[in-house]
Amino acid sequence: MIAANLENWFAKVKRPMPWRRRPSPYVCWLSEIMMQQTTYAAVLPYYERFLKKFPTVEKLAAAKESDVLKVWEGLGYYARARNLLKAARLIVEKRHPFRFKWPSASAEWAQVPGVGPYTAAALSSVLNGERVPVVDGNVARVFARVWKLADDFSKLPARAKLAERLQPEIEKCRVPGDFNQAMMELGALVCTPKSPDCAKCPLAKMCAAKKDGAWADYPVKKGKKELPVRKMTAVIVKDAKGRVLLVQNREGGLLKGLWELPTVESAAGVTQVFSHFKLEQKNFKATRMDAEFRDPKSVPLTTATRKVLAACFQ
């Protein structure tokens, strides 16, 4: 019942995403990586730009990391871009542990850098018809409500448990890829976090949370930790050629490879008395000495740096 309802609904309402028109391993893989923790509306212009710059996996494999990060600039979670490049090189050079140029089964996709259980299941089901269910945030929200599940779906064991429960359902479906996409589409378009449109839901009649009027209680919300605040001071210097003094993050972490404004720290203040006025001067000293003048349009920038430069040099 779940499989039939989802597939029939999906056939009528599925969005015309560009990678759905002519699914291929490269475009589907790229779209799935981009869609991780990002909305379709945000991804679409980046997807089109990325594909124009790197139309094939061979073109991507031959690219410099800085060029890949520049096209990705602003999409966030930059490890995704670095893993795309790393995986493209492995695939093209055939130095991966699976037999074919492109993986087929979810177990093979899971060996690709940057591909987790959800992405592996999505790709293997859409491209090769493997009957393995996906569980992302959208799917977890849908079935937490349908079955009133109190699990913490931010944890992998809870997601694996839900995948096991969905396995019999995907076994009954006609097209595994459509079944998986239907679950994700339902969470994205109808069974949304704050305002679900239950009147349009193909699973409404069997939804336990809807029956009890308790949809807002699922998924169970865990307390969020308060984010620590980091404060820093940066310097903005522009030369006669329009270049900006920037420094590249070479230390690793989320922003590895990106360029940002050099930071400074407070130094001793100076007070100087002149004949007509008194000068009180605040001083700062640079904490990084490897800054250089670069054209901001030619290098991948952090989001914070792009915002500052946009505000200062409109």
C-alpha atoms as a PDB file:
ATOM      1  CA  MET A   1       0.000   0.000   0.000  1.00  0.00           C
ATOM      2  CA  ILE A   2       2.792   2.432   0.908  1.00  0.00           C
ATOM      3  CA  ALA A   3       4.802   1.633  -2.233  1.00  0.00           C
ATOM      4  CA  ALA A   4       1.832   1.889  -4.611  1.00  0.00           C
ATOM      5  CA  ASN A   5       0.590   5.137  -3.066  1.00  0.00           C
ATOM      6  CA  LEU A   6       4.011   6.744  -3.200  1.00  0.00           C
ATOM      7  CA  GLU A   7       4.783   5.727  -6.772  1.00  0.00           C
ATOM      8  CA  ASN A   8       1.387   6.818  -8.106  1.00  0.00           C
ATOM      9  CA  TRP A   9       1.695  10.163  -6.325  1.00  0.00           C
ATOM     10  CA  PHE A  10       5.279  10.686  -7.521  1.00  0.00           C
ATOM     11  CA  ALA A  11       4.326  10.063 -11.153  1.00  0.00           C
ATOM     12  CA  LYS A  12       1.917  13.012 -10.948  1.00  0.00           C
ATOM     13  CA  VAL A  13       3.882  15.603  -8.968  1.00  0.00           C
ATOM     14  CA  LYS A  14       7.613  14.971  -9.384  1.00  0.00           C
ATOM     15  CA  ARG A  15       9.637  18.096 -10.051  1.00  0.00           C
ATOM     16  CA  PRO A  16      11.406  18.343 -13.431  1.00  0.00           C
ATOM     17  CA  MET A  17      14.918  18.316 -12.020  1.00  0.00           C
ATOM     18  CA  PRO A  18      17.512  18.440 -14.817  1.00  0.00           C
ATOM     19  CA  TRP A  19      19.320  15.293 -13.681  1.00  0.00           C
ATOM     20  CA  ARG A  20      16.046  13.356 -13.845  1.00  0.00           C
ATOM     21  CA  ARG A  21      15.624  13.978 -17.572  1.00  0.00           C
ATOM     22  CA  ARG A  22      18.692  12.020 -18.633  1.00  0.00           C
ATOM     23  CA  PRO A  23      20.051  10.248 -15.564  1.00  0.00           C
ATOM     24  CA  SER A  24      23.691   9.237 -15.847  1.00  0.00           C
ATOM     25  CA  PRO A  25      26.204   8.303 -13.151  1.00  0.00           C
ATOM     26  CA  TYR A  26      28.036  11.630 -13.365  1.00  0.00           C
ATOM     27  CA  VAL A  27      25.072  14.005 -13.197  1.00  0.00           C
ATOM     28  CA  CYS A  28      23.219  11.936 -10.590  1.00  0.00           C
ATOM     29  CA  TRP A  29      26.304  11.661  -8.408  1.00  0.00           C
ATOM     30  CA  LEU A  30      26.958  15.401  -8.703  1.00  0.00           C
ATOM     31  CA  SER A  31      23.348  16.279  -7.875  1.00  0.00           C
ATOM     32  CA  GLU A  32      23.194  13.974  -4.877  1.00  0.00           C
ATOM     33  CA  ILE A  33      26.385  15.407  -3.397  1.00  0.00           C
ATOM     34  CA  MET A  34      25.178  18.959  -3.956  1.00  0.00           C
ATOM     35  CA  MET A  35      21.754  18.237  -2.463  1.00  0.00           C
ATOM     36  CA  GLN A  36      23.249  17.021   0.824  1.00  0.00           C
ATOM     37  CA  GLN A  37      21.968  19.428   3.529  1.00  0.00           C
ATOM     38  CA  THR A  38      20.979  21.898   0.789  1.00  0.00           C
ATOM     39  CA  THR A  39      17.666  22.724  -0.893  1.00  0.00           C
ATOM     40  CA  TYR A  40      16.886  22.176  -4.560  1.00  0.00           C
ATOM     41  CA  ALA A  41      16.337  25.902  -5.131  1.00  0.00           C
ATOM     42  CA  ALA A  42      19.786  26.699  -3.747  1.00  0.00           C
ATOM     43  CA  VAL A  43      21.496  23.876  -5.634  1.00  0.00           C
ATOM     44  CA  LEU A  44      20.093  24.427  -9.148  1.00  0.00           C
ATOM     45  CA  PRO A  45      22.226  27.436 -10.238  1.00  0.00           C
ATOM     46  CA  TYR A  46      25.341  25.823  -8.757  1.00  0.00           C
ATOM     47  CA  TYR A  47      24.585  22.532 -10.519  1.00  0.00           C
ATOM     48  CA  GLU A  48      24.201  24.268 -13.887  1.00  0.00           C
ATOM     49  CA  ARG A  49      27.356  26.331 -13.371  1.00  0.00           C
ATOM     50  CA  PHE A  50      29.379  23.320 -12.224  1.00  0.00           C
ATOM     51  CA  LEU A  51      28.256  21.175 -15.141  1.00  0.00           C
ATOM     52  CA  LYS A  52      29.074  23.936 -17.625  1.00  0.00           C
ATOM     53  CA  LYS A  53      32.589  24.209 -16.196  1.00  0.00           C
ATOM     54  CA  PHE A  54      33.115  20.457 -15.754  1.00  0.00           C
ATOM     55  CA  PRO A  55      30.746  18.658 -18.199  1.00  0.00           C
ATOM     56  CA  THR A  56      32.312  15.220 -17.699  1.00  0.00           C
ATOM     57  CA  VAL A  57      34.005  13.317 -14.913  1.00  0.00           C
ATOM     58  CA  GLU A  58      37.200  13.434 -16.973  1.00  0.00           C
ATOM     59  CA  LYS A  59      37.081  17.250 -17.053  1.00  0.00           C
ATOM     60  CA  LEU A  60      36.502  17.324 -13.308  1.00  0.00           C
ATOM     61  CA  ALA A  61      39.355  14.894 -12.624  1.00  0.00           C
ATOM     62  CA  ALA A  62      41.758  17.113 -14.570  1.00  0.00           C
ATOM     63  CA  ALA A  63      40.744  20.294 -12.709  1.00  0.00           C
ATOM     64  CA  LYS A  64      42.721  22.144 -10.061  1.00  0.00           C
ATOM     65  CA  GLU A  65      41.236  22.122  -6.585  1.00  0.00           C
ATOM     66  CA  SER A  66      41.122  25.920  -6.517  1.00  0.00           C
ATOM     67  CA  ASP A  67      38.988  25.961  -9.695  1.00  0.00           C
ATOM     68  CA  VAL A  68      36.562  23.418  -8.256  1.00  0.00           C
ATOM     69  CA  LEU A  69      36.261  25.366  -5.009  1.00  0.00           C
ATOM     70  CA  LYS A  70      35.679  28.596  -6.967  1.00  0.00           C
ATOM     71  CA  VAL A  71      32.690  27.124  -8.828  1.00  0.00           C
ATOM     72  CA  TRP A  72      31.423  25.716  -5.510  1.00  0.00           C
ATOM     73  CA  GLU A  73      31.934  29.065  -3.739  1.00  0.00           C
ATOM     74  CA  GLY A  74      28.928  29.976  -1.581  1.00  0.00           C
ATOM     75  CA  LEU A  75      27.312  26.525  -1.537  1.00  0.00           C
ATOM     76  CA  GLY A  76      29.013  25.616   1.748  1.00  0.00           C
ATOM     77  CA  TYR A  77      30.241  22.323   3.198  1.00  0.00           C
ATOM     78  CA  TYR A  78      33.350  22.544   1.021  1.00  0.00           C
ATOM     79  CA  ALA A  79      34.538  19.050   1.912  1.00  0.00           C
ATOM     80  CA  ARG A  80      31.875  17.901  -0.565  1.00  0.00           C
ATOM     81  CA  ALA A  81      33.693  19.658  -3.407  1.00  0.00           C
ATOM     82  CA  ARG A  82      37.080  18.313  -2.353  1.00  0.00           C
ATOM     83  CA  ASN A  83      35.669  14.782  -2.155  1.00  0.00           C
ATOM     84  CA  LEU A  84      34.079  15.147  -5.601  1.00  0.00           C
ATOM     85  CA  LEU A  85      37.467  15.996  -7.061  1.00  0.00           C
ATOM     86  CA  LYS A  86      39.212  13.209  -5.168  1.00  0.00           C
ATOM     87  CA  ALA A  87      36.614  10.639  -6.269  1.00  0.00           C
ATOM     88  CA  ALA A  88      36.643  11.828  -9.892  1.00  0.00           C
ATOM     89  CA  ARG A  89      40.376  11.251 -10.072  1.00  0.00           C
ATOM     90  CA  LEU A  90      40.021   7.762  -8.577  1.00  0.00           C
ATOM     91  CA  ILE A  91      37.241   6.864 -11.007  1.00  0.00           C
ATOM     92  CA  VAL A  92      39.059   8.141 -14.092  1.00  0.00           C
ATOM     93  CA  GLU A  93      42.355   6.538 -13.108  1.00  0.00           C
ATOM     94  CA  LYS A  94      40.517   3.332 -12.148  1.00  0.00           C
ATOM     95  CA  ARG A  95      42.315   3.204  -8.810  1.00  0.00           C
ATOM     96  CA  HIS A  96      39.142   2.462  -6.870  1.00  0.00           C
ATOM     97  CA  PRO A  97      38.381  -0.908  -5.227  1.00  0.00           C
ATOM     98  CA  PHE A  98      35.370  -1.778  -7.426  1.00  0.00           C
ATOM     99  CA  ARG A  99      35.544  -3.473 -10.785  1.00  0.00           C
ATOM    100  CA  PHE A 100      33.735  -1.066 -13.093  1.00  0.00           C
ATOM    101  CA  LYS A 101      34.530   2.509 -14.046  1.00  0.00           C
ATOM    102  CA  TRP A 102      31.350   3.590 -12.262  1.00  0.00           C
ATOM    103  CA  PRO A 103      30.012   1.796  -9.163  1.00  0.00           C
ATOM    104  CA  SER A 104      26.678   0.018  -9.479  1.00  0.00           C
ATOM    105  CA  ALA A 105      25.652  -1.490  -6.127  1.00  0.00           C
ATOM    106  CA  SER A 106      25.223   0.629  -3.008  1.00  0.00           C
ATOM    107  CA  ALA A 107      28.122  -1.202  -1.333  1.00  0.00           C
ATOM    108  CA  GLU A 108      30.373  -0.032  -4.186  1.00  0.00           C
ATOM    109  CA  TRP A 109      29.093   3.532  -4.127  1.00  0.00           C
ATOM    110  CA  ALA A 110      29.722   3.627  -0.368  1.00  0.00           C
ATOM    111  CA  GLN A 111      33.465   3.253  -1.086  1.00  0.00           C
ATOM    112  CA  VAL A 112      33.537   6.505  -3.064  1.00  0.00           C
ATOM    113  CA  PRO A 113      34.913   9.473  -1.062  1.00  0.00           C
ATOM    114  CA  GLY A 114      32.089  11.615   0.267  1.00  0.00           C
ATOM    115  CA  VAL A 115      29.352   9.033  -0.315  1.00  0.00           C
ATOM    116  CA  GLY A 116      27.484   7.791   2.767  1.00  0.00           C
ATOM    117  CA  PRO A 117      24.700   5.202   3.171  1.00  0.00           C
ATOM    118  CA  TYR A 118      21.912   7.548   2.021  1.00  0.00           C
ATOM    119  CA  THR A 119      23.707   8.753  -1.124  1.00  0.00           C
ATOM    120  CA  ALA A 120      24.862   5.236  -1.964  1.00  0.00           C
ATOM    121  CA  ALA A 121      21.292   3.916  -1.743  1.00  0.00           C
ATOM    122  CA  ALA A 122      19.929   6.790  -3.817  1.00  0.00           C
ATOM    123  CA  LEU A 123      22.459   6.335  -6.615  1.00  0.00           C
ATOM    124  CA  SER A 124      22.263   2.545  -6.807  1.00  0.00           C
ATOM    125  CA  SER A 125      18.460   2.560  -6.837  1.00  0.00           C
ATOM    126  CA  VAL A 126      18.090   5.306  -9.461  1.00  0.00           C
ATOM    127  CA  LEU A 127      20.884   4.167 -11.763  1.00  0.00           C
ATOM    128  CA  ASN A 128      20.796   0.407 -11.326  1.00  0.00           C
ATOM    129  CA  GLY A 129      17.430  -0.429  -9.786  1.00  0.00           C
ATOM    130  CA  GLU A 130      18.852  -1.829  -6.555  1.00  0.00           C
ATOM    131  CA  ARG A 131      16.145  -2.339  -3.934  1.00  0.00           C
ATOM    132  CA  VAL A 132      17.740  -0.513  -1.025  1.00  0.00           C
ATOM    133  CA  PRO A 133      15.799   2.294   0.717  1.00  0.00           C
ATOM    134  CA  VAL A 134      17.174   5.765   1.312  1.00  0.00           C
ATOM    135  CA  VAL A 135      16.896   7.459   4.684  1.00  0.00           C
ATOM    136  CA  ASP A 136      17.650  11.167   4.767  1.00  0.00           C
ATOM    137  CA  GLY A 137      16.103  13.934   6.870  1.00  0.00           C
ATOM    138  CA  ASN A 138      13.013  14.124   4.662  1.00  0.00           C
ATOM    139  CA  VAL A 139      12.380  10.377   4.754  1.00  0.00           C
ATOM    140  CA  ALA A 140      12.975  10.203   8.510  1.00  0.00           C
ATOM    141  CA  ARG A 141      10.458  13.005   9.087  1.00  0.00           C
ATOM    142  CA  VAL A 142       7.783  11.343   6.916  1.00  0.00           C
ATOM    143  CA  PHE A 143       7.951   7.966   8.606  1.00  0.00           C
ATOM    144  CA  ALA A 144       8.539   9.307  12.107  1.00  0.00           C
ATOM    145  CA  ARG A 145       5.055  10.759  11.654  1.00  0.00           C
ATOM    146  CA  VAL A 146       3.486   7.861   9.772  1.00  0.00           C
ATOM    147  CA  TRP A 147       4.609   5.326  12.381  1.00  0.00           C
ATOM    148  CA  LYS A 148       5.051   7.710  15.370  1.00  0.00           C
ATOM    149  CA  LEU A 149       8.712   6.847  15.843  1.00  0.00           C
ATOM    150  CA  ALA A 150      10.496   8.511  18.761  1.00  0.00           C
ATOM    151  CA  ASP A 151      14.032   7.699  17.566  1.00  0.00           C
ATOM    152  CA  ASP A 152      16.790  10.289  17.266  1.00  0.00           C
ATOM    153  CA  PHE A 153      17.308  10.279  13.503  1.00  0.00           C
ATOM    154  CA  SER A 154      20.403  12.418  13.733  1.00  0.00           C
ATOM    155  CA  LYS A 155      22.100   9.153  14.759  1.00  0.00           C
ATOM    156  CA  LEU A 156      23.160   6.520  12.222  1.00  0.00           C
ATOM    157  CA  PRO A 157      21.753   3.526  14.187  1.00  0.00           C
ATOM    158  CA  ALA A 158      18.259   5.073  14.118  1.00  0.00           C
ATOM    159  CA  ARG A 159      18.518   5.680  10.372  1.00  0.00           C
ATOM    160  CA  ALA A 160      19.740   2.128   9.788  1.00  0.00           C
ATOM    161  CA  LYS A 161      16.827   0.797  11.837  1.00  0.00           C
ATOM    162  CA  LEU A 162      14.363   2.799   9.726  1.00  0.00           C
ATOM    163  CA  ALA A 163      15.999   1.521   6.526  1.00  0.00           C
ATOM    164  CA  GLU A 164      15.405  -2.040   7.736  1.00  0.00           C
ATOM    165  CA  ARG A 165      11.744  -1.246   8.350  1.00  0.00           C
ATOM    166  CA  LEU A 166      11.422   0.281   4.877  1.00  0.00           C
ATOM    167  CA  GLN A 167      13.091  -2.679   3.149  1.00  0.00           C
ATOM    168  CA  PRO A 168       9.862  -4.731   2.801  1.00  0.00           C
ATOM    169  CA  GLU A 169       8.165  -1.680   1.282  1.00  0.00           C
ATOM    170  CA  ILE A 170      10.775  -1.163  -1.419  1.00  0.00           C
ATOM    171  CA  GLU A 171      10.595  -4.861  -2.231  1.00  0.00           C
ATOM    172  CA  LYS A 172       6.940  -4.325  -3.233  1.00  0.00           C
ATOM    173  CA  CYS A 173       7.534  -1.294  -5.482  1.00  0.00           C
ATOM    174  CA  ARG A 174       7.683  -1.276  -9.279  1.00  0.00           C
ATOM    175  CA  VAL A 175      10.688   1.049  -9.714  1.00  0.00           C
ATOM    176  CA  PRO A 176      13.090   1.308  -6.736  1.00  0.00           C
ATOM    177  CA  GLY A 177      14.514   4.633  -7.881  1.00  0.00           C
ATOM    178  CA  ASP A 178      11.051   6.168  -8.097  1.00  0.00           C
ATOM    179  CA  PHE A 179      10.110   4.786  -4.692  1.00  0.00           C
ATOM    180  CA  ASN A 180      13.166   6.388  -3.077  1.00  0.00           C
ATOM    181  CA  GLN A 181      12.712   9.692  -4.877  1.00  0.00           C
ATOM    182  CA  ALA A 182       9.014   9.689  -3.930  1.00  0.00           C
ATOM    183  CA  MET A 183       9.850   9.417  -0.231  1.00  0.00           C
ATOM    184  CA  MET A 184      12.308  12.302  -0.470  1.00  0.00           C
ATOM    185  CA  GLU A 185       9.932  14.392  -2.576  1.00  0.00           C
ATOM    186  CA  LEU A 186       7.123  13.843  -0.096  1.00  0.00           C
ATOM    187  CA  GLY A 187       9.236  15.182   2.749  1.00  0.00           C
ATOM    188  CA  ALA A 188      10.460  18.134   0.695  1.00  0.00           C
ATOM    189  CA  LEU A 189       7.095  19.232  -0.742  1.00  0.00           C
ATOM    190  CA  VAL A 190       4.296  17.981   1.519  1.00  0.00           C
ATOM    191  CA  CYS A 191       5.422  16.571   4.868  1.00  0.00           C
ATOM    192  CA  THR A 192       7.477  19.641   5.685  1.00  0.00           C
ATOM    193  CA  PRO A 193       8.911  20.420   9.141  1.00  0.00           C
ATOM    194  CA  LYS A 194       6.529  23.221  10.150  1.00  0.00           C
ATOM    195  CA  SER A 195       3.469  23.238   7.868  1.00  0.00           C
ATOM    196  CA  PRO A 196       2.720  19.794   6.402  1.00  0.00           C
ATOM    197  CA  ASP A 197      -0.045  19.743   3.773  1.00  0.00           C
ATOM    198  CA  CYS A 198      -1.740  16.565   4.958  1.00  0.00           C
ATOM    199  CA  ALA A 199      -4.595  16.996   2.454  1.00  0.00           C
ATOM    200  CA  LYS A 200      -2.129  16.315  -0.381  1.00  0.00           C
ATOM    201  CA  CYS A 201      -0.271  13.459   1.299  1.00  0.00           C
ATOM    202  CA  PRO A 202      -0.605  10.001  -0.307  1.00  0.00           C
ATOM    203  CA  LEU A 203       0.065   8.415   3.103  1.00  0.00           C
ATOM    204  CA  ALA A 204      -2.384  10.540   5.108  1.00  0.00           C
ATOM    205  CA  LYS A 205      -4.880   7.732   5.739  1.00  0.00           C
ATOM    206  CA  MET A 206      -2.233   5.579   7.384  1.00  0.00           C
ATOM    207  CA  CYS A 207      -0.392   8.362   9.257  1.00  0.00           C
ATOM    208  CA  ALA A 208      -0.596   7.781  13.011  1.00  0.00           C
ATOM    209  CA  ALA A 209       0.587  11.304  13.871  1.00  0.00           C
ATOM    210  CA  LYS A 210      -2.082  12.880  11.671  1.00  0.00           C
ATOM    211  CA  LYS A 211      -4.748  10.687  13.211  1.00  0.00           C
ATOM    212  CA  ASP A 212      -3.787  11.882  16.688  1.00  0.00           C
ATOM    213  CA  GLY A 213      -3.166  15.478  15.613  1.00  0.00           C
ATOM    214  CA  ALA A 214       0.410  15.097  16.803  1.00  0.00           C
ATOM    215  CA  TRP A 215       2.434  15.741  13.638  1.00  0.00           C
ATOM    216  CA  ALA A 216       4.306  18.597  15.359  1.00  0.00           C
ATOM    217  CA  ASP A 217       5.710  16.131  17.908  1.00  0.00           C
ATOM    218  CA  TYR A 218       7.554  14.099  15.255  1.00  0.00           C
ATOM    219  CA  PRO A 219      10.374  13.677  14.641  1.00  0.00           C
ATOM    220  CA  VAL A 220      11.220  14.081  18.303  1.00  0.00           C
ATOM    221  CA  LYS A 221      13.337  17.206  18.661  1.00  0.00           C
ATOM    222  CA  LYS A 222      16.533  16.906  20.602  1.00  0.00           C
ATOM    223  CA  GLY A 223      17.921  19.888  22.495  1.00  0.00           C
ATOM    224  CA  LYS A 224      20.409  21.929  20.500  1.00  0.00           C
ATOM    225  CA  LYS A 225      23.717  22.981  21.982  1.00  0.00           C
ATOM    226  CA  GLU A 226      24.371  26.693  21.994  1.00  0.00           C
ATOM    227  CA  LEU A 227      26.976  27.553  19.376  1.00  0.00           C
ATOM    228  CA  PRO A 228      30.221  28.996  20.711  1.00  0.00           C
ATOM    229  CA  VAL A 229      31.056  32.523  19.541  1.00  0.00           C
ATOM    230  CA  ARG A 230      34.434  33.286  17.992  1.00  0.00           C
ATOM    231  CA  LYS A 231      35.462  36.919  17.566  1.00  0.00           C
ATOM    232  CA  MET A 232      38.223  38.200  15.318  1.00  0.00           C
ATOM    233  CA  THR A 233      39.332  41.377  13.593  1.00  0.00           C
ATOM    234  CA  ALA A 234      40.292  41.427   9.915  1.00  0.00           C
ATOM    235  CA  VAL A 235      42.051  44.022   7.773  1.00  0.00           C
ATOM    236  CA  ILE A 236      40.920  45.113   4.295  1.00  0.00           C
ATOM    237  CA  VAL A 237      43.616  46.427   1.940  1.00  0.00           C
ATOM    238  CA  LYS A 238      43.062  47.096  -1.770  1.00  0.00           C
ATOM    239  CA  ASP A 239      45.849  48.004  -4.203  1.00  0.00           C
ATOM    240  CA  ALA A 240      45.803  50.221  -7.282  1.00  0.00           C
ATOM    241  CA  LYS A 241      45.013  47.232  -9.529  1.00  0.00           C
ATOM    242  CA  GLY A 242      41.851  46.400  -7.599  1.00  0.00           C
ATOM    243  CA  ARG A 243      43.391  43.376  -5.920  1.00  0.00           C
ATOM    244  CA  VAL A 244      42.708  42.647  -2.256  1.00  0.00           C
ATOM    245  CA  LEU A 245      45.138  41.449   0.380  1.00  0.00           C
ATOM    246  CA  LEU A 246      44.084  37.855   1.090  1.00  0.00           C
ATOM    247  CA  VAL A 247      45.456  34.776   2.785  1.00  0.00           C
ATOM    248  CA  GLN A 248      44.735  31.147   1.912  1.00  0.00           C
ATOM    249  CA  ASN A 249      43.605  28.679   4.568  1.00  0.00           C
ATOM    250  CA  ARG A 250      46.131  25.843   4.324  1.00  0.00           C
ATOM    251  CA  GLU A 251      45.551  24.348   7.756  1.00  0.00           C
ATOM    252  CA  GLY A 252      42.644  22.026   6.946  1.00  0.00           C
ATOM    253  CA  GLY A 253      39.166  21.953   8.374  1.00  0.00           C
ATOM    254  CA  LEU A 254      35.948  23.142   6.740  1.00  0.00           C
ATOM    255  CA  LEU A 255      37.535  26.099   4.932  1.00  0.00           C
ATOM    256  CA  LYS A 256      40.692  24.429   3.650  1.00  0.00           C
ATOM    257  CA  GLY A 257      41.822  25.892   0.340  1.00  0.00           C
ATOM    258  CA  LEU A 258      39.642  28.995   0.574  1.00  0.00           C
ATOM    259  CA  TRP A 259      40.917  32.565   0.691  1.00  0.00           C
ATOM    260  CA  GLU A 260      39.981  35.047   3.395  1.00  0.00           C
ATOM    261  CA  LEU A 261      40.936  38.413   4.818  1.00  0.00           C
ATOM    262  CA  PRO A 262      44.040  38.403   7.024  1.00  0.00           C
ATOM    263  CA  THR A 263      43.262  38.690  10.711  1.00  0.00           C
ATOM    264  CA  VAL A 264      44.961  41.012  13.179  1.00  0.00           C
ATOM    265  CA  GLU A 265      45.179  41.223  16.944  1.00  0.00           C
ATOM    266  CA  SER A 266      45.342  44.167  19.308  1.00  0.00           C
ATOM    267  CA  ALA A 267      48.694  45.748  20.007  1.00  0.00           C
ATOM    268  CA  ALA A 268      49.751  48.530  22.344  1.00  0.00           C
ATOM    269  CA  GLY A 269      47.805  51.789  22.025  1.00  0.00           C
ATOM    270  CA  VAL A 270      49.529  55.127  21.539  1.00  0.00           C
ATOM    271  CA  THR A 271      48.604  58.588  22.802  1.00  0.00           C
ATOM    272  CA  GLN A 272      50.387  61.556  21.258  1.00  0.00           C
ATOM    273  CA  VAL A 273      49.793  65.204  22.203  1.00  0.00           C
ATOM    274  CA  PHE A 274      50.125  67.798  19.429  1.00  0.00           C
ATOM    275  CA  SER A 275      49.815  71.553  19.705  1.00  0.00           C
ATOM    276  CA  HIS A 276      46.180  71.639  18.578  1.00  0.00           C
ATOM    277  CA  PHE A 277      44.878  68.188  19.419  1.00  0.00           C
ATOM    278  CA  LYS A 278      45.584  64.911  21.180  1.00  0.00           C
ATOM    279  CA  LEU A 279      45.843  61.701  19.127  1.00  0.00           C
ATOM    280  CA  GLU A 280      44.642  58.430  20.617  1.00  0.00           C
ATOM    281  CA  GLN A 281      45.646  55.631  18.230  1.00  0.00           C
ATOM    282  CA  LYS A 282      44.608  51.985  18.362  1.00  0.00           C
ATOM    283  CA  ASN A 283      47.128  49.593  16.849  1.00  0.00           C
ATOM    284  CA  PHE A 284      46.929  46.049  15.568  1.00  0.00           C
ATOM    285  CA  LYS A 285      49.536  43.543  14.488  1.00  0.00           C
ATOM    286  CA  ALA A 286      49.123  40.919  11.773  1.00  0.00           C
ATOM    287  CA  THR A 287      48.821  37.300  12.870  1.00  0.00           C
ATOM    288  CA  ARG A 288      49.550  35.921   9.386  1.00  0.00           C
ATOM    289  CA  MET A 289      52.493  37.043   7.277  1.00  0.00           C
ATOM    290  CA  ASP A 290      51.757  35.008   4.123  1.00  0.00           C
ATOM    291  CA  ALA A 291      49.054  37.318   2.765  1.00  0.00           C
ATOM    292  CA  GLU A 292      49.231  38.405  -0.865  1.00  0.00           C
ATOM    293  CA  PHE A 293      47.283  40.626  -3.229  1.00  0.00           C
ATOM    294  CA  ARG A 294      44.835  38.574  -5.315  1.00  0.00           C
ATOM    295  CA  ASP A 295      41.877  39.284  -7.570  1.00  0.00           C
ATOM    296  CA  PRO A 296      38.843  38.207  -5.501  1.00  0.00           C
ATOM    297  CA  LYS A 297      37.128  37.004  -8.683  1.00  0.00           C
ATOM    298  CA  SER A 298      39.924  34.537  -9.423  1.00  0.00           C
ATOM    299  CA  VAL A 299      40.126  32.630  -6.138  1.00  0.00           C
ATOM    300  CA  PRO A 300      37.563  30.794  -3.981  1.00  0.00           C
ATOM    301  CA  LEU A 301      36.536  32.976  -1.052  1.00  0.00           C
ATOM    302  CA  THR A 302      34.921  32.185   2.265  1.00  0.00           C
ATOM    303  CA  THR A 303      31.327  33.364   2.563  1.00  0.00           C
ATOM    304  CA  ALA A 304      32.285  35.838   5.289  1.00  0.00           C
ATOM    305  CA  THR A 305      34.961  37.362   3.050  1.00  0.00           C
ATOM    306  CA  ARG A 306      32.574  37.670   0.101  1.00  0.00           C
ATOM    307  CA  LYS A 307      30.038  39.467   2.303  1.00  0.00           C
ATOM    308  CA  VAL A 308      32.625  41.907   3.646  1.00  0.00           C
ATOM    309  CA  LEU A 309      34.038  42.726   0.213  1.00  0.00           C
ATOM    310  CA  ALA A 310      30.547  43.175  -1.244  1.00  0.00           C
ATOM    311  CA  ALA A 311      29.677  45.613   1.540  1.00  0.00           C
ATOM    312  CA  CYS A 312      32.928  47.584   1.256  1.00  0.00           C
ATOM    313  CA  PHE A 313      33.393  47.679  -2.525  1.00  0.00           C
ATOM    314  CA  GLN A 314      29.904  47.824  -4.027  1.00  0.00           C
END
